[in-house]
């Protein structure tokens, strides 16, 4: 393996699995074969599983790589598209947390991206009600898009009237709003 992919970092990861006897997962790890001719950097999810012999001693590793390069490329293209919009955009999980916001949302609301990603609709929507979110999710799961008016509260306390258009999307492999 190290002849195909020489790397001190990876040798250390392999050593960690051998010493700890625990499964290690690395997400979106760069991986370049020394024979690779294209210029695109490939990214893989790695799973390293220790293999134990009958004496319960780790004798090797099972390494599984899943190429997620295209997924990462599509995510980057999506982010560029959404960040180029002149409207605020939010991706929200079913637990009521923002998992992505675009540059316009940051600009309009006055919060940093990190602040918004630690928040959810309940933190910026003046009319937020948990019951409404549950109803919204039920309707969205039928395939309908929901459009409604509400008001958002900026970091400075300014009330901003907004029209929201909500639908279900797949984001990072998971269903979101």
Protein backbone atom coordinates (compact mmCIF):
# COMPACT_ATOMS: atom_id res chain seq x y z
CA UNK A 1 0.00 0.00 0.00
CA UNK A 2 2.71 2.46 0.96
CA UNK A 3 4.52 1.83 -2.35
CA UNK A 4 1.35 2.87 -4.18
CA UNK A 5 0.59 5.71 -1.80
CA UNK A 6 3.60 6.84 0.21
CA UNK A 7 2.54 9.10 3.06
CA UNK A 8 3.76 9.52 6.65
CA UNK A 9 0.27 10.70 7.66
CA UNK A 10 -1.30 7.49 6.39
CA UNK A 11 1.37 5.34 7.98
CA UNK A 12 0.50 7.06 11.27
CA UNK A 13 -3.24 6.37 10.73
CA UNK A 14 -2.54 2.72 10.01
CA UNK A 15 -0.31 2.57 13.11
CA UNK A 16 -3.12 4.09 15.19
CA UNK A 17 -5.54 1.37 14.08
CA UNK A 18 -2.97 -1.37 14.71
CA UNK A 19 -2.18 -0.08 18.21
CA UNK A 20 -5.72 0.76 19.32
CA UNK A 21 -7.50 -2.17 17.64
CA UNK A 22 -10.34 0.25 16.90
CA UNK A 23 -12.06 1.05 13.60
CA UNK A 24 -11.03 4.42 12.16
CA UNK A 25 -13.13 6.41 9.70
CA UNK A 26 -11.73 9.34 7.73
CA UNK A 27 -14.16 11.45 5.73
CA UNK A 28 -13.32 13.03 2.34
CA UNK A 29 -9.63 12.20 2.67
CA UNK A 30 -7.42 13.15 -0.25
CA UNK A 31 -6.00 10.18 -2.07
CA UNK A 32 -3.58 10.40 -4.99
CA UNK A 33 -2.21 7.26 -6.60
CA UNK A 34 1.40 7.70 -7.69
CA UNK A 35 0.31 6.53 -11.16
CA UNK A 36 -2.53 9.09 -11.39
CA UNK A 37 -2.36 11.09 -14.60
CA UNK A 38 -5.39 13.38 -14.30
CA UNK A 39 -5.07 16.61 -12.40
CA UNK A 40 -8.27 16.27 -10.37
CA UNK A 41 -7.67 15.50 -6.73
CA UNK A 42 -9.69 12.46 -5.68
CA UNK A 43 -11.40 12.29 -2.30
CA UNK A 44 -12.40 9.11 -0.52
CA UNK A 45 -14.17 8.09 2.64
CA UNK A 46 -11.81 5.66 4.33
CA UNK A 47 -12.78 2.92 6.73
CA UNK A 48 -9.92 1.02 8.37
CA UNK A 49 -10.86 -2.11 10.28
CA UNK A 50 -8.32 -4.09 12.31
CA UNK A 51 -8.18 -7.80 11.45
CA UNK A 52 -7.39 -10.02 14.44
CA UNK A 53 -5.95 -13.50 14.40
CA UNK A 54 -7.06 -16.40 16.61
CA UNK A 55 -4.76 -15.06 19.34
CA UNK A 56 -6.83 -11.79 19.36
CA UNK A 57 -3.80 -9.84 18.14
CA UNK A 58 -4.21 -7.42 15.22
CA UNK A 59 -2.43 -8.96 12.27
CA UNK A 60 -3.60 -6.66 9.49
CA UNK A 61 -6.04 -4.05 8.32
CA UNK A 62 -9.03 -4.10 6.05
CA UNK A 63 -9.07 -0.79 4.19
CA UNK A 64 -12.21 0.23 2.34
CA UNK A 65 -12.21 3.32 0.15
CA UNK A 66 -15.36 4.93 -1.26
CA UNK A 67 -14.72 7.49 -3.97
CA UNK A 68 -16.75 10.62 -3.14
CA UNK A 69 -14.93 12.93 -5.56
CA UNK A 70 -17.97 13.57 -7.75
CA UNK A 71 -20.17 14.21 -4.71
CA UNK A 72 -17.64 16.75 -3.38
CA UNK A 73 -17.43 18.40 -6.81
CA UNK A 74 -21.24 18.68 -6.98
CA UNK A 75 -21.38 20.09 -3.44
CA UNK A 76 -18.83 22.75 -4.41
CA UNK A 77 -20.79 23.65 -7.55
CA UNK A 78 -23.99 23.83 -5.46
CA UNK A 79 -22.33 26.16 -2.94
CA UNK A 80 -21.06 28.42 -5.72
CA UNK A 81 -24.54 28.58 -7.26
CA UNK A 82 -26.32 29.25 -3.97
CA UNK A 83 -23.74 31.80 -2.80
CA UNK A 84 -24.19 33.69 -6.07
CA UNK A 85 -27.92 34.15 -5.44
CA UNK A 86 -29.40 37.51 -4.52
CA UNK A 87 -31.76 35.82 -2.02
CA UNK A 88 -31.02 34.34 1.38
CA UNK A 89 -30.91 30.55 1.39
CA UNK A 90 -30.93 28.19 4.35
CA UNK A 91 -30.68 24.40 4.52
CA UNK A 92 -32.27 23.07 7.70
CA UNK A 93 -32.21 19.57 9.14
CA UNK A 94 -35.27 17.91 10.67
CA UNK A 95 -33.97 18.78 14.16
CA UNK A 96 -34.41 22.48 13.44
CA UNK A 97 -30.75 23.41 12.90
CA UNK A 98 -29.27 25.23 9.94
CA UNK A 99 -26.76 22.99 8.20
CA UNK A 100 -25.93 25.48 5.44
CA UNK A 101 -26.54 29.16 4.81
CA UNK A 102 -25.50 31.28 1.87
CA UNK A 103 -23.53 34.52 1.78
CA UNK A 104 -26.67 36.63 1.30
CA UNK A 105 -28.25 35.23 4.51
CA UNK A 106 -25.08 36.19 6.40
CA UNK A 107 -25.13 39.68 4.87
CA UNK A 108 -28.85 40.36 5.46
CA UNK A 109 -29.09 39.00 9.01
CA UNK A 110 -25.75 40.32 10.22
CA UNK A 111 -24.65 37.07 11.85
CA UNK A 112 -21.44 35.29 10.91
CA UNK A 113 -21.78 31.99 9.05
CA UNK A 114 -20.57 30.17 12.18
CA UNK A 115 -23.22 31.89 14.31
CA UNK A 116 -26.01 30.99 11.89
CA UNK A 117 -24.81 27.38 11.67
CA UNK A 118 -25.22 27.12 15.44
CA UNK A 119 -28.79 28.37 15.13
CA UNK A 120 -32.06 27.37 13.53
CA UNK A 121 -35.32 28.95 12.31
CA UNK A 122 -36.50 29.38 15.90
CA UNK A 123 -33.63 31.82 16.47
CA UNK A 124 -34.43 34.19 13.59
CA UNK A 125 -38.15 33.73 12.84
CA UNK A 126 -40.41 36.08 14.80
CA UNK A 127 -43.43 33.78 14.27
CA UNK A 128 -41.64 30.46 14.82
CA UNK A 129 -43.72 27.69 16.35
CA UNK A 130 -42.59 24.08 16.72
CA UNK A 131 -46.07 22.90 15.70
CA UNK A 132 -45.75 24.85 12.45
CA UNK A 133 -42.44 23.19 11.64
CA UNK A 134 -43.92 19.71 12.22
CA UNK A 135 -46.84 20.58 9.93
CA UNK A 136 -44.45 21.99 7.35
CA UNK A 137 -42.39 18.79 7.31
CA UNK A 138 -45.53 16.67 6.90
CA UNK A 139 -46.66 18.74 3.91
CA UNK A 140 -43.18 18.82 2.35
CA UNK A 141 -42.96 15.03 2.59
CA UNK A 142 -45.93 14.82 0.20
CA UNK A 143 -43.75 16.54 -2.41
CA UNK A 144 -45.39 19.96 -2.15
CA UNK A 145 -43.47 23.21 -1.93
CA UNK A 146 -44.65 25.60 0.77
CA UNK A 147 -44.60 29.37 0.31
CA UNK A 148 -45.49 31.69 3.19
CA UNK A 149 -44.69 35.08 4.66
CA UNK A 150 -43.03 35.68 8.02
CA UNK A 151 -40.52 38.03 9.63
CA UNK A 152 -36.87 37.42 10.46
CA UNK A 153 -34.96 39.19 13.19
CA UNK A 154 -31.45 40.41 12.38
CA UNK A 155 -28.58 40.34 14.85
CA UNK A 156 -29.10 44.07 15.41
CA UNK A 157 -32.79 43.48 16.25
CA UNK A 158 -34.18 44.73 12.93
CA UNK A 159 -37.37 42.99 11.77
CA UNK A 160 -37.17 41.90 8.13
CA UNK A 161 -40.35 40.80 6.28
CA UNK A 162 -39.61 37.72 4.15
CA UNK A 163 -41.36 35.32 1.83
CA UNK A 164 -40.15 31.75 2.36
CA UNK A 165 -40.30 29.01 -0.20
CA UNK A 166 -39.60 25.63 1.39
CA UNK A 167 -39.10 22.22 -0.17
CA UNK A 168 -37.28 19.00 0.60
CA UNK A 169 -33.79 18.65 -0.83
CA UNK A 170 -30.99 16.14 -0.59
CA UNK A 171 -27.99 17.76 1.02
CA UNK A 172 -24.81 15.80 1.76
CA UNK A 173 -26.73 12.59 1.19
CA UNK A 174 -29.51 13.42 3.68
CA UNK A 175 -33.00 14.81 3.29
CA UNK A 176 -33.26 18.40 4.50
CA UNK A 177 -35.44 21.49 4.14
